[in-house]
Amino acid sequence: MLMDKERSQLLIVDMQERLLPAMSDADDVTKACERLVRGAQALDLPITVSEQYPKGLGPTAEPLRQTLGNSATVMEKVEFSCFRNAAIRHRLEELRRKGRPQVVVAGIEAHICVLQTALDLAAQGFETFVAADAIGSRLDESRRLAMGRMLHADVSVVNAEMVLFEWVGKAGSPEFKEIQALVK
């Protein structure tokens, strides 16, 4: 199935300032997350951002926080799976009720919070997509293992460019030019 901008929502998981520097590919993951956010903003998709225990791990990292501006709903959690947090679950389900059953997931850590969130979303009937280039872990092996588990659980593993071009759907529009500029 293709991702559709009218049916999608974006979930950025725990891209926090004290956690991000420990990731093996932090800069690349951050850039991919920023591309997804800019694409979602350009196409007017809802964006949810989780923060795992921000008192200890800090807020969302500054570069991403600047990109987000006021375009996202930022929600605190202590649960590893975003879906096991009542407030986040309510938001995701409310967006599904409003016609957005597709969730594109990005963030850290791939083998903990991203994995558990994606597995829970898929188990609850969401069409779940994880952007492989927009997820990270401290160890590359942990990231690879997480992607393997997600694939076996019917989570679609994609990349940010696939997401953006499926959301825009066709060339020749002003939105296409914006999306194209994000991947150059």
N, C-alpha and C. Protein backbone atom coordinates (compact mmCIF):
# COMPACT_ATOMS: atom_id res chain seq x y z
N MET A 1 0.83 -1.18 0.00
CA MET A 1 0.00 0.00 0.00
C MET A 1 0.88 1.24 0.00
N LEU A 2 0.38 2.26 -0.64
CA LEU A 2 1.10 3.53 -0.69
C LEU A 2 0.69 4.42 0.48
N MET A 3 1.60 5.27 0.89
CA MET A 3 1.27 6.28 1.89
C MET A 3 0.54 7.41 1.18
N ASP A 4 -0.50 7.91 1.81
CA ASP A 4 -1.35 8.94 1.22
C ASP A 4 -1.40 10.13 2.17
N LYS A 5 -1.12 11.31 1.65
CA LYS A 5 -1.08 12.50 2.51
C LYS A 5 -2.41 12.77 3.20
N GLU A 6 -3.51 12.37 2.60
CA GLU A 6 -4.82 12.60 3.19
C GLU A 6 -5.13 11.60 4.31
N ARG A 7 -4.37 10.50 4.35
CA ARG A 7 -4.63 9.44 5.32
C ARG A 7 -3.50 9.27 6.33
N SER A 8 -2.47 10.12 6.25
CA SER A 8 -1.26 9.93 7.05
C SER A 8 -1.15 10.92 8.20
N GLN A 9 -0.37 10.49 9.18
CA GLN A 9 0.09 11.34 10.28
C GLN A 9 1.54 10.96 10.53
N LEU A 10 2.30 11.89 11.10
CA LEU A 10 3.72 11.67 11.38
C LEU A 10 3.94 11.62 12.88
N LEU A 11 4.69 10.62 13.32
CA LEU A 11 5.05 10.47 14.74
C LEU A 11 6.57 10.47 14.87
N ILE A 12 7.10 11.47 15.56
CA ILE A 12 8.54 11.57 15.83
C ILE A 12 8.75 11.14 17.28
N VAL A 13 9.57 10.10 17.48
CA VAL A 13 9.74 9.47 18.79
C VAL A 13 11.07 9.88 19.43
N ASP A 14 11.00 10.59 20.53
CA ASP A 14 12.11 10.78 21.48
C ASP A 14 13.43 11.30 20.90
N MET A 15 13.36 12.23 20.00
CA MET A 15 14.58 12.83 19.42
C MET A 15 15.10 13.91 20.37
N GLN A 16 15.60 13.50 21.52
CA GLN A 16 15.90 14.42 22.62
C GLN A 16 17.38 14.73 22.76
N GLU A 17 17.63 15.93 23.30
CA GLU A 17 19.00 16.46 23.29
C GLU A 17 20.00 15.65 24.09
N ARG A 18 19.60 14.98 25.17
CA ARG A 18 20.57 14.21 25.95
C ARG A 18 20.69 12.77 25.45
N LEU A 19 19.74 12.33 24.65
CA LEU A 19 19.74 10.96 24.13
C LEU A 19 20.39 10.90 22.74
N LEU A 20 20.13 11.89 21.93
CA LEU A 20 20.57 11.89 20.53
C LEU A 20 22.09 11.76 20.35
N PRO A 21 22.93 12.44 21.14
CA PRO A 21 24.37 12.33 20.91
C PRO A 21 24.92 10.90 21.06
N ALA A 22 24.23 10.04 21.75
CA ALA A 22 24.70 8.66 21.94
C ALA A 22 24.40 7.77 20.74
N MET A 23 23.62 8.25 19.78
CA MET A 23 23.25 7.44 18.62
C MET A 23 24.40 7.36 17.62
N SER A 24 24.53 6.22 16.98
CA SER A 24 25.66 6.02 16.08
C SER A 24 25.56 6.89 14.82
N ASP A 25 24.38 7.29 14.45
CA ASP A 25 24.19 8.05 13.22
C ASP A 25 23.29 9.26 13.46
N ALA A 26 23.54 9.96 14.54
CA ALA A 26 22.66 11.04 15.01
C ALA A 26 22.42 12.12 13.96
N ASP A 27 23.46 12.57 13.27
CA ASP A 27 23.29 13.65 12.29
C ASP A 27 22.40 13.23 11.13
N ASP A 28 22.63 12.03 10.60
CA ASP A 28 21.82 11.54 9.48
C ASP A 28 20.37 11.33 9.89
N VAL A 29 20.16 10.76 11.07
CA VAL A 29 18.80 10.54 11.57
C VAL A 29 18.09 11.87 11.76
N THR A 30 18.77 12.84 12.33
CA THR A 30 18.18 14.16 12.54
C THR A 30 17.79 14.80 11.22
N LYS A 31 18.67 14.74 10.23
CA LYS A 31 18.37 15.32 8.92
C LYS A 31 17.17 14.64 8.26
N ALA A 32 17.09 13.32 8.36
CA ALA A 32 15.95 12.60 7.78
C ALA A 32 14.65 12.98 8.51
N CYS A 33 14.71 13.10 9.82
CA CYS A 33 13.53 13.53 10.58
C CYS A 33 13.12 14.94 10.18
N GLU A 34 14.09 15.82 10.00
CA GLU A 34 13.77 17.19 9.58
C GLU A 34 13.11 17.20 8.20
N ARG A 35 13.58 16.35 7.28
CA ARG A 35 12.95 16.27 5.95
C ARG A 35 11.49 15.82 6.08
N LEU A 36 11.25 14.81 6.92
CA LEU A 36 9.88 14.34 7.12
C LEU A 36 9.00 15.43 7.71
N VAL A 37 9.53 16.13 8.69
CA VAL A 37 8.76 17.22 9.32
C VAL A 37 8.44 18.30 8.30
N ARG A 38 9.44 18.72 7.54
CA ARG A 38 9.20 19.77 6.53
C ARG A 38 8.19 19.32 5.49
N GLY A 39 8.27 18.05 5.10
CA GLY A 39 7.29 17.52 4.15
C GLY A 39 5.89 17.50 4.75
N ALA A 40 5.78 17.05 5.98
CA ALA A 40 4.47 17.03 6.65
C ALA A 40 3.92 18.45 6.80
N GLN A 41 4.78 19.40 7.11
CA GLN A 41 4.34 20.80 7.22
C GLN A 41 3.86 21.32 5.87
N ALA A 42 4.61 21.03 4.81
CA ALA A 42 4.25 21.52 3.48
C ALA A 42 2.91 20.96 3.01
N LEU A 43 2.61 19.73 3.44
CA LEU A 43 1.39 19.05 3.00
C LEU A 43 0.29 19.09 4.05
N ASP A 44 0.53 19.80 5.14
CA ASP A 44 -0.46 19.99 6.21
C ASP A 44 -0.90 18.69 6.87
N LEU A 45 0.09 17.84 7.18
CA LEU A 45 -0.19 16.60 7.91
C LEU A 45 -0.01 16.83 9.40
N PRO A 46 -0.79 16.16 10.24
CA PRO A 46 -0.59 16.29 11.68
C PRO A 46 0.71 15.63 12.12
N ILE A 47 1.39 16.29 13.05
CA ILE A 47 2.67 15.80 13.57
C ILE A 47 2.55 15.67 15.08
N THR A 48 2.93 14.50 15.58
CA THR A 48 3.00 14.26 17.02
C THR A 48 4.45 13.97 17.36
N VAL A 49 4.93 14.56 18.45
CA VAL A 49 6.30 14.34 18.91
C VAL A 49 6.23 13.84 20.34
N SER A 50 6.90 12.71 20.59
CA SER A 50 6.98 12.21 21.97
C SER A 50 8.32 12.59 22.57
N GLU A 51 8.30 12.77 23.90
CA GLU A 51 9.53 13.02 24.65
C GLU A 51 9.53 12.07 25.84
N GLN A 52 10.52 11.20 25.88
CA GLN A 52 10.69 10.23 26.97
C GLN A 52 11.31 10.92 28.17
N TYR A 53 10.57 10.98 29.26
CA TYR A 53 11.04 11.56 30.51
C TYR A 53 11.93 12.78 30.27
N PRO A 54 11.37 13.88 29.77
CA PRO A 54 12.17 15.04 29.41
C PRO A 54 12.91 15.69 30.59
N LYS A 55 12.46 15.47 31.81
CA LYS A 55 13.20 16.02 32.96
C LYS A 55 14.60 15.42 33.03
N GLY A 56 14.74 14.18 32.60
CA GLY A 56 16.04 13.53 32.62
C GLY A 56 16.76 13.56 31.29
N LEU A 57 16.01 13.45 30.18
CA LEU A 57 16.63 13.35 28.85
C LEU A 57 16.56 14.64 28.06
N GLY A 58 15.96 15.66 28.64
CA GLY A 58 15.87 16.94 27.96
C GLY A 58 14.76 16.98 26.94
N PRO A 59 14.53 18.16 26.36
CA PRO A 59 13.49 18.31 25.34
C PRO A 59 13.98 17.78 23.99
N THR A 60 13.13 17.87 23.01
CA THR A 60 13.50 17.54 21.64
C THR A 60 14.73 18.37 21.26
N ALA A 61 15.68 17.73 20.58
CA ALA A 61 16.95 18.38 20.22
C ALA A 61 16.71 19.66 19.42
N GLU A 62 17.54 20.63 19.66
CA GLU A 62 17.36 21.98 19.12
C GLU A 62 17.16 22.06 17.61
N PRO A 63 17.99 21.40 16.79
CA PRO A 63 17.77 21.57 15.34
C PRO A 63 16.36 21.12 14.93
N LEU A 64 15.92 20.02 15.47
CA LEU A 64 14.59 19.51 15.13
C LEU A 64 13.50 20.38 15.75
N ARG A 65 13.73 20.86 16.95
CA ARG A 65 12.77 21.74 17.62
C ARG A 65 12.55 23.01 16.80
N GLN A 66 13.61 23.56 16.23
CA GLN A 66 13.48 24.75 15.37
C GLN A 66 12.67 24.44 14.13
N THR A 67 12.94 23.29 13.52
CA THR A 67 12.19 22.90 12.33
C THR A 67 10.71 22.72 12.64
N LEU A 68 10.42 22.12 13.77
CA LEU A 68 9.02 21.88 14.15
C LEU A 68 8.26 23.17 14.42
N GLY A 69 8.93 24.14 15.05
CA GLY A 69 8.22 25.36 15.41
C GLY A 69 6.99 25.03 16.23
N ASN A 70 5.86 25.55 15.83
CA ASN A 70 4.59 25.27 16.51
C ASN A 70 3.72 24.29 15.74
N SER A 71 4.30 23.54 14.81
CA SER A 71 3.49 22.69 13.94
C SER A 71 3.19 21.32 14.51
N ALA A 72 3.70 21.00 15.70
CA ALA A 72 3.52 19.65 16.26
C ALA A 72 2.90 19.71 17.64
N THR A 73 2.27 18.60 17.99
CA THR A 73 1.82 18.39 19.36
C THR A 73 2.90 17.58 20.06
N VAL A 74 3.54 18.17 21.07
CA VAL A 74 4.62 17.51 21.81
C VAL A 74 4.04 16.94 23.09
N MET A 75 4.32 15.64 23.32
CA MET A 75 3.71 14.94 24.44
C MET A 75 4.76 14.16 25.22
N GLU A 76 4.73 14.30 26.54
CA GLU A 76 5.66 13.58 27.41
C GLU A 76 5.17 12.16 27.66
N LYS A 77 6.14 11.28 27.93
CA LYS A 77 5.79 9.89 28.27
C LYS A 77 6.90 9.29 29.12
N VAL A 78 6.57 8.19 29.78
CA VAL A 78 7.59 7.37 30.44
C VAL A 78 7.54 5.94 29.89
N GLU A 79 6.44 5.61 29.21
CA GLU A 79 6.30 4.29 28.58
C GLU A 79 7.24 4.22 27.38
N PHE A 80 7.77 3.05 27.10
CA PHE A 80 8.63 2.93 25.93
C PHE A 80 7.81 3.03 24.65
N SER A 81 6.69 2.34 24.58
CA SER A 81 5.80 2.45 23.43
C SER A 81 4.94 3.70 23.57
N CYS A 82 4.95 4.53 22.55
CA CYS A 82 4.07 5.71 22.57
C CYS A 82 2.61 5.30 22.72
N PHE A 83 2.25 4.18 22.13
CA PHE A 83 0.85 3.75 22.15
C PHE A 83 0.40 3.33 23.53
N ARG A 84 1.32 3.02 24.41
CA ARG A 84 0.94 2.63 25.78
C ARG A 84 0.78 3.84 26.70
N ASN A 85 1.04 5.03 26.18
CA ASN A 85 0.78 6.26 26.91
C ASN A 85 -0.64 6.69 26.54
N ALA A 86 -1.51 6.85 27.53
CA ALA A 86 -2.93 7.12 27.28
C ALA A 86 -3.15 8.37 26.43
N ALA A 87 -2.43 9.45 26.73
CA ALA A 87 -2.65 10.70 26.00
C ALA A 87 -2.20 10.58 24.55
N ILE A 88 -1.05 9.98 24.32
CA ILE A 88 -0.56 9.81 22.94
C ILE A 88 -1.47 8.86 22.19
N ARG A 89 -1.83 7.75 22.82
CA ARG A 89 -2.76 6.79 22.19
C ARG A 89 -4.05 7.50 21.78
N HIS A 90 -4.60 8.31 22.68
CA HIS A 90 -5.83 9.02 22.38
C HIS A 90 -5.65 9.92 21.15
N ARG A 91 -4.54 10.64 21.09
CA ARG A 91 -4.30 11.53 19.94
C ARG A 91 -4.21 10.72 18.64
N LEU A 92 -3.43 9.65 18.65
CA LEU A 92 -3.27 8.85 17.43
C LEU A 92 -4.59 8.23 16.99
N GLU A 93 -5.37 7.74 17.96
CA GLU A 93 -6.67 7.15 17.64
C GLU A 93 -7.66 8.20 17.16
N GLU A 94 -7.62 9.39 17.74
CA GLU A 94 -8.50 10.47 17.29
C GLU A 94 -8.17 10.86 15.85
N LEU A 95 -6.89 10.95 15.53
CA LEU A 95 -6.50 11.24 14.15
C LEU A 95 -6.94 10.12 13.21
N ARG A 96 -6.89 8.88 13.66
CA ARG A 96 -7.38 7.76 12.84
C ARG A 96 -8.88 7.91 12.60
N ARG A 97 -9.63 8.24 13.66
CA ARG A 97 -11.08 8.44 13.51
C ARG A 97 -11.40 9.55 12.51
N LYS A 98 -10.48 10.50 12.40
CA LYS A 98 -10.67 11.61 11.45
C LYS A 98 -10.13 11.27 10.06
N GLY A 99 -9.82 10.00 9.83
CA GLY A 99 -9.42 9.56 8.50
C GLY A 99 -7.94 9.42 8.26
N ARG A 100 -7.16 9.34 9.34
CA ARG A 100 -5.71 9.20 9.19
C ARG A 100 -5.20 7.92 9.87
N PRO A 101 -5.45 6.76 9.22
CA PRO A 101 -5.03 5.49 9.81
C PRO A 101 -3.57 5.12 9.55
N GLN A 102 -2.89 5.91 8.72
CA GLN A 102 -1.49 5.64 8.41
C GLN A 102 -0.59 6.46 9.33
N VAL A 103 0.36 5.77 9.99
CA VAL A 103 1.30 6.46 10.87
C VAL A 103 2.71 6.22 10.35
N VAL A 104 3.39 7.30 10.02
CA VAL A 104 4.80 7.23 9.65
C VAL A 104 5.59 7.53 10.92
N VAL A 105 6.47 6.59 11.29
CA VAL A 105 7.20 6.68 12.55
C VAL A 105 8.68 6.92 12.27
N ALA A 106 9.28 7.83 13.05
CA ALA A 106 10.72 8.11 12.97
C ALA A 106 11.19 8.42 14.38
N GLY A 107 12.51 8.31 14.62
CA GLY A 107 13.04 8.68 15.92
C GLY A 107 14.01 7.67 16.49
N ILE A 108 14.15 7.72 17.82
CA ILE A 108 15.12 6.87 18.51
C ILE A 108 14.50 6.30 19.79
N GLU A 109 15.03 5.29 20.37
CA GLU A 109 15.95 4.36 19.78
C GLU A 109 15.17 3.30 19.01
N ALA A 110 15.74 2.92 17.87
CA ALA A 110 15.05 2.01 16.96
C ALA A 110 14.61 0.72 17.62
N HIS A 111 15.46 0.16 18.47
CA HIS A 111 15.17 -1.16 19.04
C HIS A 111 14.39 -1.10 20.34
N ILE A 112 14.06 0.08 20.81
CA ILE A 112 13.30 0.20 22.06
C ILE A 112 11.99 0.93 21.76
N CYS A 113 12.00 2.24 21.85
CA CYS A 113 10.76 3.01 21.74
C CYS A 113 10.15 2.96 20.34
N VAL A 114 10.96 3.07 19.30
CA VAL A 114 10.42 3.00 17.94
C VAL A 114 9.84 1.62 17.68
N LEU A 115 10.59 0.57 17.99
CA LEU A 115 10.13 -0.79 17.78
C LEU A 115 8.83 -1.07 18.53
N GLN A 116 8.80 -0.80 19.82
CA GLN A 116 7.62 -1.10 20.61
C GLN A 116 6.41 -0.30 20.14
N THR A 117 6.63 0.94 19.76
CA THR A 117 5.54 1.78 19.22
C THR A 117 5.02 1.19 17.92
N ALA A 118 5.91 0.87 17.00
CA ALA A 118 5.50 0.33 15.70
C ALA A 118 4.75 -0.99 15.85
N LEU A 119 5.25 -1.88 16.71
CA LEU A 119 4.57 -3.16 16.92
C LEU A 119 3.18 -2.96 17.50
N ASP A 120 3.06 -2.06 18.48
CA ASP A 120 1.74 -1.78 19.07
C ASP A 120 0.79 -1.16 18.05
N LEU A 121 1.27 -0.21 17.26
CA LEU A 121 0.43 0.41 16.24
C LEU A 121 -0.08 -0.63 15.24
N ALA A 122 0.82 -1.47 14.74
CA ALA A 122 0.42 -2.49 13.78
C ALA A 122 -0.59 -3.46 14.40
N ALA A 123 -0.37 -3.84 15.65
CA ALA A 123 -1.28 -4.77 16.33
C ALA A 123 -2.67 -4.17 16.52
N GLN A 124 -2.74 -2.84 16.58
CA GLN A 124 -4.02 -2.16 16.75
C GLN A 124 -4.65 -1.72 15.43
N GLY A 125 -4.11 -2.22 14.33
CA GLY A 125 -4.73 -1.99 13.03
C GLY A 125 -4.32 -0.72 12.31
N PHE A 126 -3.35 0.01 12.82
CA PHE A 126 -2.84 1.16 12.08
C PHE A 126 -1.99 0.67 10.91
N GLU A 127 -2.02 1.38 9.80
CA GLU A 127 -1.10 1.11 8.70
C GLU A 127 0.20 1.81 9.10
N THR A 128 1.20 1.01 9.46
CA THR A 128 2.39 1.54 10.12
C THR A 128 3.60 1.48 9.20
N PHE A 129 4.27 2.62 9.07
CA PHE A 129 5.45 2.77 8.23
C PHE A 129 6.57 3.33 9.10
N VAL A 130 7.75 2.73 9.04
CA VAL A 130 8.91 3.24 9.77
C VAL A 130 9.96 3.66 8.75
N ALA A 131 10.39 4.90 8.86
CA ALA A 131 11.40 5.43 7.94
C ALA A 131 12.79 5.01 8.42
N ALA A 132 13.37 4.04 7.75
CA ALA A 132 14.63 3.42 8.20
C ALA A 132 15.77 4.42 8.34
N ASP A 133 15.83 5.41 7.46
CA ASP A 133 16.92 6.39 7.55
C ASP A 133 16.65 7.46 8.60
N ALA A 134 15.47 7.43 9.19
CA ALA A 134 15.08 8.42 10.21
C ALA A 134 14.91 7.77 11.58
N ILE A 135 15.53 6.58 11.75
CA ILE A 135 15.56 5.92 13.06
C ILE A 135 17.01 5.59 13.40
N GLY A 136 17.31 5.59 14.68
CA GLY A 136 18.69 5.30 15.08
C GLY A 136 18.75 4.62 16.42
N SER A 137 19.88 3.99 16.66
CA SER A 137 20.20 3.34 17.94
C SER A 137 21.66 3.61 18.24
N ARG A 138 22.05 3.28 19.46
CA ARG A 138 23.47 3.43 19.80
C ARG A 138 24.32 2.50 18.96
N LEU A 139 23.81 1.29 18.70
CA LEU A 139 24.54 0.30 17.90
C LEU A 139 23.78 0.01 16.61
N ASP A 140 24.50 -0.05 15.49
CA ASP A 140 23.86 -0.36 14.21
C ASP A 140 23.17 -1.72 14.24
N GLU A 141 23.76 -2.68 14.94
CA GLU A 141 23.16 -4.02 15.03
C GLU A 141 21.79 -3.96 15.69
N SER A 142 21.62 -3.15 16.69
CA SER A 142 20.31 -3.00 17.34
C SER A 142 19.29 -2.44 16.36
N ARG A 143 19.69 -1.49 15.56
CA ARG A 143 18.81 -0.91 14.54
C ARG A 143 18.41 -1.96 13.51
N ARG A 144 19.36 -2.76 13.05
CA ARG A 144 19.07 -3.81 12.06
C ARG A 144 18.11 -4.85 12.64
N LEU A 145 18.34 -5.26 13.88
CA LEU A 145 17.45 -6.23 14.51
C LEU A 145 16.03 -5.69 14.64
N ALA A 146 15.92 -4.42 15.00
CA ALA A 146 14.60 -3.80 15.12
C ALA A 146 13.87 -3.79 13.78
N MET A 147 14.57 -3.45 12.72
CA MET A 147 13.92 -3.43 11.40
C MET A 147 13.47 -4.82 10.99
N GLY A 148 14.27 -5.83 11.30
CA GLY A 148 13.86 -7.21 11.00
C GLY A 148 12.60 -7.60 11.74
N ARG A 149 12.51 -7.27 13.02
CA ARG A 149 11.30 -7.57 13.79
C ARG A 149 10.09 -6.83 13.24
N MET A 150 10.29 -5.58 12.88
CA MET A 150 9.16 -4.80 12.36
C MET A 150 8.65 -5.40 11.04
N LEU A 151 9.56 -5.78 10.17
CA LEU A 151 9.15 -6.39 8.90
C LEU A 151 8.32 -7.65 9.13
N HIS A 152 8.72 -8.47 10.09
CA HIS A 152 7.99 -9.69 10.40
C HIS A 152 6.63 -9.42 11.03
N ALA A 153 6.42 -8.22 11.52
CA ALA A 153 5.15 -7.85 12.16
C ALA A 153 4.28 -7.01 11.22
N ASP A 154 4.57 -7.05 9.93
CA ASP A 154 3.81 -6.31 8.92
C ASP A 154 3.89 -4.80 9.06
N VAL A 155 5.00 -4.32 9.58
CA VAL A 155 5.29 -2.90 9.57
C VAL A 155 6.08 -2.64 8.29
N SER A 156 5.69 -1.65 7.53
CA SER A 156 6.41 -1.33 6.30
C SER A 156 7.65 -0.51 6.64
N VAL A 157 8.81 -1.01 6.24
CA VAL A 157 10.06 -0.28 6.45
C VAL A 157 10.35 0.45 5.13
N VAL A 158 10.42 1.76 5.22
CA VAL A 158 10.58 2.63 4.06
C VAL A 158 11.74 3.59 4.33
N ASN A 159 11.91 4.60 3.50
CA ASN A 159 12.85 5.67 3.83
C ASN A 159 12.15 7.01 3.65
N ALA A 160 12.77 8.07 4.11
CA ALA A 160 12.14 9.39 4.11
C ALA A 160 11.76 9.83 2.70
N GLU A 161 12.59 9.55 1.73
CA GLU A 161 12.29 9.97 0.36
C GLU A 161 11.06 9.24 -0.17
N MET A 162 10.93 7.96 0.13
CA MET A 162 9.72 7.22 -0.28
C MET A 162 8.49 7.88 0.33
N VAL A 163 8.57 8.19 1.61
CA VAL A 163 7.44 8.82 2.30
C VAL A 163 7.06 10.11 1.59
N LEU A 164 8.03 10.98 1.38
CA LEU A 164 7.74 12.30 0.81
C LEU A 164 7.13 12.21 -0.58
N PHE A 165 7.67 11.36 -1.44
CA PHE A 165 7.15 11.28 -2.80
C PHE A 165 5.81 10.55 -2.87
N GLU A 166 5.56 9.62 -1.96
CA GLU A 166 4.23 9.01 -1.92
C GLU A 166 3.21 10.01 -1.38
N TRP A 167 3.61 10.80 -0.40
CA TRP A 167 2.68 11.82 0.11
C TRP A 167 2.31 12.83 -0.98
N VAL A 168 3.29 13.27 -1.78
CA VAL A 168 3.00 14.30 -2.78
C VAL A 168 2.28 13.71 -3.99
N GLY A 169 2.60 12.48 -4.36
CA GLY A 169 1.82 11.75 -5.36
C GLY A 169 2.07 12.05 -6.81
N LYS A 170 2.42 13.28 -7.16
CA LYS A 170 2.62 13.60 -8.58
C LYS A 170 3.52 14.82 -8.72
N ALA A 171 4.10 14.94 -9.90
CA ALA A 171 4.94 16.10 -10.21
C ALA A 171 4.06 17.24 -10.71
N GLY A 172 4.69 18.41 -10.81
CA GLY A 172 4.00 19.52 -11.45
C GLY A 172 3.20 20.42 -10.53
N SER A 173 3.17 20.12 -9.26
CA SER A 173 2.41 20.96 -8.33
C SER A 173 3.38 21.80 -7.49
N PRO A 174 2.89 22.86 -6.85
CA PRO A 174 3.75 23.61 -5.95
C PRO A 174 4.28 22.74 -4.80
N GLU A 175 3.45 21.80 -4.32
CA GLU A 175 3.89 20.89 -3.26
C GLU A 175 5.04 20.01 -3.73
N PHE A 176 4.97 19.55 -4.98
CA PHE A 176 6.03 18.73 -5.54
C PHE A 176 7.35 19.48 -5.52
N LYS A 177 7.34 20.75 -5.92
CA LYS A 177 8.57 21.54 -5.93
C LYS A 177 9.15 21.66 -4.51
N GLU A 178 8.28 21.84 -3.52
CA GLU A 178 8.75 21.91 -2.13
C GLU A 178 9.37 20.59 -1.69
N ILE A 179 8.70 19.50 -2.01
CA ILE A 179 9.19 18.16 -1.62
C ILE A 179 10.49 17.85 -2.34
N GLN A 180 10.54 18.15 -3.63
CA GLN A 180 11.75 17.89 -4.41
C GLN A 180 12.94 18.65 -3.83
N ALA A 181 12.72 19.87 -3.37
CA ALA A 181 13.80 20.66 -2.78
C ALA A 181 14.32 20.03 -1.49
N LEU A 182 13.48 19.30 -0.78
CA LEU A 182 13.89 18.66 0.47
C LEU A 182 14.87 17.51 0.26
N VAL A 183 14.82 16.87 -0.89
CA VAL A 183 15.66 15.70 -1.11
C VAL A 183 16.91 16.01 -1.94
N LYS A 184 17.05 17.23 -2.38
CA LYS A 184 18.25 17.61 -3.16
C LYS A 184 19.41 17.88 -2.24
